[in-house]
Amino acid sequence: MSMIYKVSYVVQGGEYPGGIKNQEEKPEVGTLVQIGLMMFEVMEVHDMMPPRDDFQFLHATVKPASHRKN
């Protein structure tokens, strides 16, 4: 069984709303993530609590990427 990550994304500067996503891959610093129609670069990732079975809560800080996804 694969790990499920519930990730709280917060956008630096507060100009854009963040979001909460369930995903199968842990976000890594430098990767891109789509929130709504915008693409964001992951700046930081922190565990919110230790993993339990196949589930983990994470917090990620992101900034707008240099381009939009069409």
PDB file of N, CA and C in Angstrom:
ATOM      1  N   MET A   1       0.848  -1.181   0.000  1.00  0.00           N
ATOM      2  CA  MET A   1       0.000   0.000   0.000  1.00  0.00           C
ATOM      3  C   MET A   1       0.890   1.240   0.000  1.00  0.00           C
ATOM      4  N   SER A   2       0.538   2.250  -0.778  1.00  0.00           N
ATOM      5  CA  SER A   2       1.363   3.449  -0.861  1.00  0.00           C
ATOM      6  C   SER A   2       0.945   4.474   0.191  1.00  0.00           C
ATOM      7  N   MET A   3       1.880   5.359   0.510  1.00  0.00           N
ATOM      8  CA  MET A   3       1.645   6.414   1.488  1.00  0.00           C
ATOM      9  C   MET A   3       0.740   7.483   0.876  1.00  0.00           C
ATOM     10  N   ILE A   4      -0.179   8.002   1.656  1.00  0.00           N
ATOM     11  CA  ILE A   4      -1.010   9.141   1.262  1.00  0.00           C
ATOM     12  C   ILE A   4      -0.569  10.329   2.106  1.00  0.00           C
ATOM     13  N   TYR A   5      -0.281  11.431   1.447  1.00  0.00           N
ATOM     14  CA  TYR A   5       0.134  12.662   2.120  1.00  0.00           C
ATOM     15  C   TYR A   5      -0.996  13.679   2.025  1.00  0.00           C
ATOM     16  N   LYS A   6      -1.426  14.210   3.152  1.00  0.00           N
ATOM     17  CA  LYS A   6      -2.365  15.332   3.177  1.00  0.00           C
ATOM     18  C   LYS A   6      -1.496  16.560   3.390  1.00  0.00           C
ATOM     19  N   VAL A   7      -1.392  17.406   2.348  1.00  0.00           N
ATOM     20  CA  VAL A   7      -0.447  18.514   2.358  1.00  0.00           C
ATOM     21  C   VAL A   7      -1.194  19.845   2.422  1.00  0.00           C
ATOM     22  N   SER A   8      -0.834  20.649   3.408  1.00  0.00           N
ATOM     23  CA  SER A   8      -1.340  22.006   3.524  1.00  0.00           C
ATOM     24  C   SER A   8      -0.341  22.923   2.831  1.00  0.00           C
ATOM     25  N   TYR A   9      -0.774  23.554   1.732  1.00  0.00           N
ATOM     26  CA  TYR A   9       0.094  24.461   0.978  1.00  0.00           C
ATOM     27  C   TYR A   9      -0.227  25.900   1.360  1.00  0.00           C
ATOM     28  N   VAL A  10       0.798  26.665   1.754  1.00  0.00           N
ATOM     29  CA  VAL A  10       0.662  28.081   2.089  1.00  0.00           C
ATOM     30  C   VAL A  10       1.560  28.865   1.145  1.00  0.00           C
ATOM     31  N   VAL A  11       0.981  29.900   0.520  1.00  0.00           N
ATOM     32  CA  VAL A  11       1.723  30.704  -0.460  1.00  0.00           C
ATOM     33  C   VAL A  11       2.420  31.858   0.251  1.00  0.00           C
ATOM     34  N   GLN A  12       3.734  31.984   0.031  1.00  0.00           N
ATOM     35  CA  GLN A  12       4.501  33.086   0.609  1.00  0.00           C
ATOM     36  C   GLN A  12       3.901  34.417   0.182  1.00  0.00           C
ATOM     37  N   GLY A  13       3.824  35.351   1.101  1.00  0.00           N
ATOM     38  CA  GLY A  13       3.337  36.689   0.796  1.00  0.00           C
ATOM     39  C   GLY A  13       1.829  36.832   0.851  1.00  0.00           C
ATOM     40  N   GLY A  14       1.098  35.740   0.831  1.00  0.00           N
ATOM     41  CA  GLY A  14      -0.349  35.781   0.965  1.00  0.00           C
ATOM     42  C   GLY A  14      -1.112  36.370  -0.212  1.00  0.00           C
ATOM     43  N   GLU A  15      -0.469  36.536  -1.373  1.00  0.00           N
ATOM     44  CA  GLU A  15      -1.164  37.107  -2.531  1.00  0.00           C
ATOM     45  C   GLU A  15      -2.130  36.126  -3.192  1.00  0.00           C
ATOM     46  N   TYR A  16      -1.934  34.839  -2.961  1.00  0.00           N
ATOM     47  CA  TYR A  16      -2.767  33.812  -3.561  1.00  0.00           C
ATOM     48  C   TYR A  16      -3.265  32.894  -2.454  1.00  0.00           C
ATOM     49  N   PRO A  17      -4.459  32.329  -2.627  1.00  0.00           N
ATOM     50  CA  PRO A  17      -4.915  31.359  -1.629  1.00  0.00           C
ATOM     51  C   PRO A  17      -4.094  30.077  -1.747  1.00  0.00           C
ATOM     52  N   GLY A  18      -3.889  29.437  -0.649  1.00  0.00           N
ATOM     53  CA  GLY A  18      -3.215  28.140  -0.649  1.00  0.00           C
ATOM     54  C   GLY A  18      -4.239  27.043  -0.869  1.00  0.00           C
ATOM     55  N   GLY A  19      -3.956  25.878  -0.331  1.00  0.00           N
ATOM     56  CA  GLY A  19      -4.892  24.773  -0.475  1.00  0.00           C
ATOM     57  C   GLY A  19      -4.429  23.565   0.303  1.00  0.00           C
ATOM     58  N   ILE A  20      -5.295  22.577   0.367  1.00  0.00           N
ATOM     59  CA  ILE A  20      -4.981  21.293   0.992  1.00  0.00           C
ATOM     60  C   ILE A  20      -5.212  20.228  -0.069  1.00  0.00           C
ATOM     61  N   LYS A  21      -4.207  19.387  -0.260  1.00  0.00           N
ATOM     62  CA  LYS A  21      -4.300  18.342  -1.278  1.00  0.00           C
ATOM     63  C   LYS A  21      -3.931  16.988  -0.678  1.00  0.00           C
ATOM     64  N   ASN A  22      -4.615  15.947  -1.114  1.00  0.00           N
ATOM     65  CA  ASN A  22      -4.216  14.571  -0.841  1.00  0.00           C
ATOM     66  C   ASN A  22      -3.397  14.118  -2.037  1.00  0.00           C
ATOM     67  N   GLN A  23      -2.216  13.570  -1.773  1.00  0.00           N
ATOM     68  CA  GLN A  23      -1.374  13.120  -2.881  1.00  0.00           C
ATOM     69  C   GLN A  23      -0.548  11.918  -2.469  1.00  0.00           C
ATOM     70  N   GLU A  24      -0.102  11.164  -3.468  1.00  0.00           N
ATOM     71  CA  GLU A  24       0.654   9.935  -3.224  1.00  0.00           C
ATOM     72  C   GLU A  24       2.155  10.164  -3.187  1.00  0.00           C
ATOM     73  N   GLU A  25       2.629  11.324  -3.645  1.00  0.00           N
ATOM     74  CA  GLU A  25       4.058  11.627  -3.610  1.00  0.00           C
ATOM     75  C   GLU A  25       4.315  12.764  -2.633  1.00  0.00           C
ATOM     76  N   LYS A  26       5.353  12.606  -1.824  1.00  0.00           N
ATOM     77  CA  LYS A  26       5.719  13.645  -0.874  1.00  0.00           C
ATOM     78  C   LYS A  26       6.314  14.821  -1.646  1.00  0.00           C
ATOM     79  N   PRO A  27       5.849  16.043  -1.381  1.00  0.00           N
ATOM     80  CA  PRO A  27       6.426  17.196  -2.081  1.00  0.00           C
ATOM     81  C   PRO A  27       7.884  17.392  -1.668  1.00  0.00           C
ATOM     82  N   GLU A  28       8.705  17.812  -2.602  1.00  0.00           N
ATOM     83  CA  GLU A  28      10.123  18.055  -2.355  1.00  0.00           C
ATOM     84  C   GLU A  28      10.452  19.504  -2.702  1.00  0.00           C
ATOM     85  N   VAL A  29      11.390  20.082  -1.986  1.00  0.00           N
ATOM     86  CA  VAL A  29      11.829  21.449  -2.263  1.00  0.00           C
ATOM     87  C   VAL A  29      12.290  21.551  -3.715  1.00  0.00           C
ATOM     88  N   GLY A  30      11.809  22.601  -4.408  1.00  0.00           N
ATOM     89  CA  GLY A  30      12.193  22.833  -5.796  1.00  0.00           C
ATOM     90  C   GLY A  30      11.232  22.267  -6.820  1.00  0.00           C
ATOM     91  N   THR A  31      10.339  21.359  -6.403  1.00  0.00           N
ATOM     92  CA  THR A  31       9.381  20.803  -7.358  1.00  0.00           C
ATOM     93  C   THR A  31       8.215  21.764  -7.552  1.00  0.00           C
ATOM     94  N   LEU A  32       7.470  21.555  -8.632  1.00  0.00           N
ATOM     95  CA  LEU A  32       6.304  22.378  -8.924  1.00  0.00           C
ATOM     96  C   LEU A  32       5.036  21.647  -8.528  1.00  0.00           C
ATOM     97  N   VAL A  33       4.057  22.434  -8.053  1.00  0.00           N
ATOM     98  CA  VAL A  33       2.751  21.885  -7.686  1.00  0.00           C
ATOM     99  C   VAL A  33       1.677  22.814  -8.235  1.00  0.00           C
ATOM    100  N   GLN A  34       0.591  22.230  -8.718  1.00  0.00           N
ATOM    101  CA  GLN A  34      -0.513  23.035  -9.211  1.00  0.00           C
ATOM    102  C   GLN A  34      -1.543  23.190  -8.111  1.00  0.00           C
ATOM    103  N   ILE A  35      -1.916  24.453  -7.847  1.00  0.00           N
ATOM    104  CA  ILE A  35      -2.995  24.766  -6.912  1.00  0.00           C
ATOM    105  C   ILE A  35      -3.959  25.649  -7.687  1.00  0.00           C
ATOM    106  N   GLY A  36      -5.155  25.141  -7.944  1.00  0.00           N
ATOM    107  CA  GLY A  36      -6.084  25.852  -8.828  1.00  0.00           C
ATOM    108  C   GLY A  36      -5.512  25.880 -10.227  1.00  0.00           C
ATOM    109  N   LEU A  37      -5.489  27.050 -10.842  1.00  0.00           N
ATOM    110  CA  LEU A  37      -4.932  27.187 -12.193  1.00  0.00           C
ATOM    111  C   LEU A  37      -3.472  27.601 -12.188  1.00  0.00           C
ATOM    112  N   MET A  38      -2.914  27.880 -11.033  1.00  0.00           N
ATOM    113  CA  MET A  38      -1.547  28.398 -10.907  1.00  0.00           C
ATOM    114  C   MET A  38      -0.550  27.288 -10.574  1.00  0.00           C
ATOM    115  N   MET A  39       0.688  27.503 -11.009  1.00  0.00           N
ATOM    116  CA  MET A  39       1.797  26.620 -10.647  1.00  0.00           C
ATOM    117  C   MET A  39       2.648  27.319  -9.598  1.00  0.00           C
ATOM    118  N   PHE A  40       3.101  26.552  -8.615  1.00  0.00           N
ATOM    119  CA  PHE A  40       3.909  27.077  -7.528  1.00  0.00           C
ATOM    120  C   PHE A  40       5.137  26.201  -7.325  1.00  0.00           C
ATOM    121  N   GLU A  41       6.215  26.822  -6.860  1.00  0.00           N
ATOM    122  CA  GLU A  41       7.444  26.101  -6.532  1.00  0.00           C
ATOM    123  C   GLU A  41       7.475  25.855  -5.030  1.00  0.00           C
ATOM    124  N   VAL A  42       7.787  24.633  -4.636  1.00  0.00           N
ATOM    125  CA  VAL A  42       7.864  24.264  -3.220  1.00  0.00           C
ATOM    126  C   VAL A  42       9.161  24.813  -2.622  1.00  0.00           C
ATOM    127  N   MET A  43       9.032  25.581  -1.543  1.00  0.00           N
ATOM    128  CA  MET A  43      10.178  26.200  -0.881  1.00  0.00           C
ATOM    129  C   MET A  43      10.584  25.459   0.396  1.00  0.00           C
ATOM    130  N   GLU A  44       9.611  24.976   1.155  1.00  0.00           N
ATOM    131  CA  GLU A  44       9.864  24.256   2.412  1.00  0.00           C
ATOM    132  C   GLU A  44       8.808  23.177   2.589  1.00  0.00           C
ATOM    133  N   VAL A  45       9.189  22.092   3.251  1.00  0.00           N
ATOM    134  CA  VAL A  45       8.247  21.029   3.609  1.00  0.00           C
ATOM    135  C   VAL A  45       8.543  20.614   5.048  1.00  0.00           C
ATOM    136  N   HIS A  46       7.490  20.553   5.865  1.00  0.00           N
ATOM    137  CA  HIS A  46       7.639  20.167   7.270  1.00  0.00           C
ATOM    138  C   HIS A  46       6.587  19.123   7.630  1.00  0.00           C
ATOM    139  N   ASP A  47       6.994  18.148   8.456  1.00  0.00           N
ATOM    140  CA  ASP A  47       6.044  17.180   9.007  1.00  0.00           C
ATOM    141  C   ASP A  47       5.195  17.895  10.047  1.00  0.00           C
ATOM    142  N   MET A  48       3.887  17.696  10.000  1.00  0.00           N
ATOM    143  CA  MET A  48       3.007  18.274  11.015  1.00  0.00           C
ATOM    144  C   MET A  48       2.852  17.325  12.198  1.00  0.00           C
ATOM    145  N   MET A  49       3.001  16.035  11.929  1.00  0.00           N
ATOM    146  CA  MET A  49       2.991  15.001  12.968  1.00  0.00           C
ATOM    147  C   MET A  49       3.615  13.747  12.360  1.00  0.00           C
ATOM    148  N   PRO A  50       4.039  12.809  13.191  1.00  0.00           N
ATOM    149  CA  PRO A  50       4.652  11.596  12.641  1.00  0.00           C
ATOM    150  C   PRO A  50       3.662  10.816  11.772  1.00  0.00           C
ATOM    151  N   PRO A  51       4.187  10.099  10.764  1.00  0.00           N
ATOM    152  CA  PRO A  51       3.297   9.287   9.920  1.00  0.00           C
ATOM    153  C   PRO A  51       2.586   8.217  10.744  1.00  0.00           C
ATOM    154  N   ARG A  52       1.398   7.875  10.300  1.00  0.00           N
ATOM    155  CA  ARG A  52       0.630   6.821  10.966  1.00  0.00           C
ATOM    156  C   ARG A  52       0.144   5.859   9.895  1.00  0.00           C
ATOM    157  N   ASP A  53       0.570   4.622   9.998  1.00  0.00           N
ATOM    158  CA  ASP A  53       0.260   3.601   8.996  1.00  0.00           C
ATOM    159  C   ASP A  53       0.664   4.119   7.605  1.00  0.00           C
ATOM    160  N   ASP A  54      -0.291   4.356   6.723  1.00  0.00           N
ATOM    161  CA  ASP A  54       0.022   4.802   5.364  1.00  0.00           C
ATOM    162  C   ASP A  54      -0.434   6.244   5.120  1.00  0.00           C
ATOM    163  N   PHE A  55      -0.419   7.069   6.177  1.00  0.00           N
ATOM    164  CA  PHE A  55      -0.957   8.421   6.099  1.00  0.00           C
ATOM    165  C   PHE A  55      -0.048   9.399   6.828  1.00  0.00           C
ATOM    166  N   GLN A  56       0.166  10.596   6.240  1.00  0.00           N
ATOM    167  CA  GLN A  56       0.991  11.600   6.905  1.00  0.00           C
ATOM    168  C   GLN A  56       0.501  13.003   6.567  1.00  0.00           C
ATOM    169  N   PHE A  57       0.491  13.894   7.583  1.00  0.00           N
ATOM    170  CA  PHE A  57       0.152  15.301   7.398  1.00  0.00           C
ATOM    171  C   PHE A  57       1.436  16.095   7.198  1.00  0.00           C
ATOM    172  N   LEU A  58       1.461  16.966   6.160  1.00  0.00           N
ATOM    173  CA  LEU A  58       2.622  17.806   5.880  1.00  0.00           C
ATOM    174  C   LEU A  58       2.188  19.250   5.683  1.00  0.00           C
ATOM    175  N   HIS A  59       3.118  20.168   5.927  1.00  0.00           N
ATOM    176  CA  HIS A  59       2.929  21.586   5.633  1.00  0.00           C
ATOM    177  C   HIS A  59       3.993  21.965   4.607  1.00  0.00           C
ATOM    178  N   ALA A  60       3.585  22.659   3.546  1.00  0.00           N
ATOM    179  CA  ALA A  60       4.537  23.096   2.523  1.00  0.00           C
ATOM    180  C   ALA A  60       4.334  24.587   2.249  1.00  0.00           C
ATOM    181  N   THR A  61       5.440  25.320   2.207  1.00  0.00           N
ATOM    182  CA  THR A  61       5.418  26.722   1.815  1.00  0.00           C
ATOM    183  C   THR A  61       5.823  26.788   0.355  1.00  0.00           C
ATOM    184  N   VAL A  62       5.061  27.547  -0.433  1.00  0.00           N
ATOM    185  CA  VAL A  62       5.312  27.649  -1.876  1.00  0.00           C
ATOM    186  C   VAL A  62       5.349  29.109  -2.311  1.00  0.00           C
ATOM    187  N   LYS A  63       5.913  29.341  -3.509  1.00  0.00           N
ATOM    188  CA  LYS A  63       5.877  30.668  -4.121  1.00  0.00           C
ATOM    189  C   LYS A  63       5.435  30.492  -5.565  1.00  0.00           C
ATOM    190  N   PRO A  64       4.830  31.529  -6.149  1.00  0.00           N
ATOM    191  CA  PRO A  64       4.391  31.400  -7.548  1.00  0.00           C
ATOM    192  C   PRO A  64       5.584  31.038  -8.455  1.00  0.00           C
ATOM    193  N   ALA A  65       5.330  30.097  -9.354  1.00  0.00           N
ATOM    194  CA  ALA A  65       6.347  29.719 -10.344  1.00  0.00           C
ATOM    195  C   ALA A  65       6.400  30.801 -11.409  1.00  0.00           C
ATOM    196  N   SER A  66       7.400  30.748 -12.241  1.00  0.00           N
ATOM    197  CA  SER A  66       7.598  31.791 -13.249  1.00  0.00           C
ATOM    198  C   SER A  66       6.658  31.663 -14.444  1.00  0.00           C
ATOM    199  N   HIS A  67       5.852  30.589 -14.502  1.00  0.00           N
ATOM    200  CA  HIS A  67       4.919  30.418 -15.618  1.00  0.00           C
ATOM    201  C   HIS A  67       3.626  29.792 -15.127  1.00  0.00           C
ATOM    202  N   ARG A  68       2.567  29.907 -15.913  1.00  0.00           N
ATOM    203  CA  ARG A  68       1.279  29.292 -15.605  1.00  0.00           C
ATOM    204  C   ARG A  68       1.111  28.014 -16.411  1.00  0.00           C
ATOM    205  N   LYS A  69       0.386  27.085 -15.854  1.00  0.00           N
ATOM    206  CA  LYS A  69       0.066  25.858 -16.595  1.00  0.00           C
ATOM    207  C   LYS A  69      -1.170  26.113 -17.433  1.00  0.00           C
ATOM    208  N   ASN A  70      -1.133  25.770 -18.723  1.00  0.00           N
ATOM    209  CA  ASN A  70      -2.277  25.988 -19.619  1.00  0.00           C
ATOM    210  C   ASN A  70      -3.271  24.875 -19.510  1.00  0.00           C
TER     211      ASN A  70
END
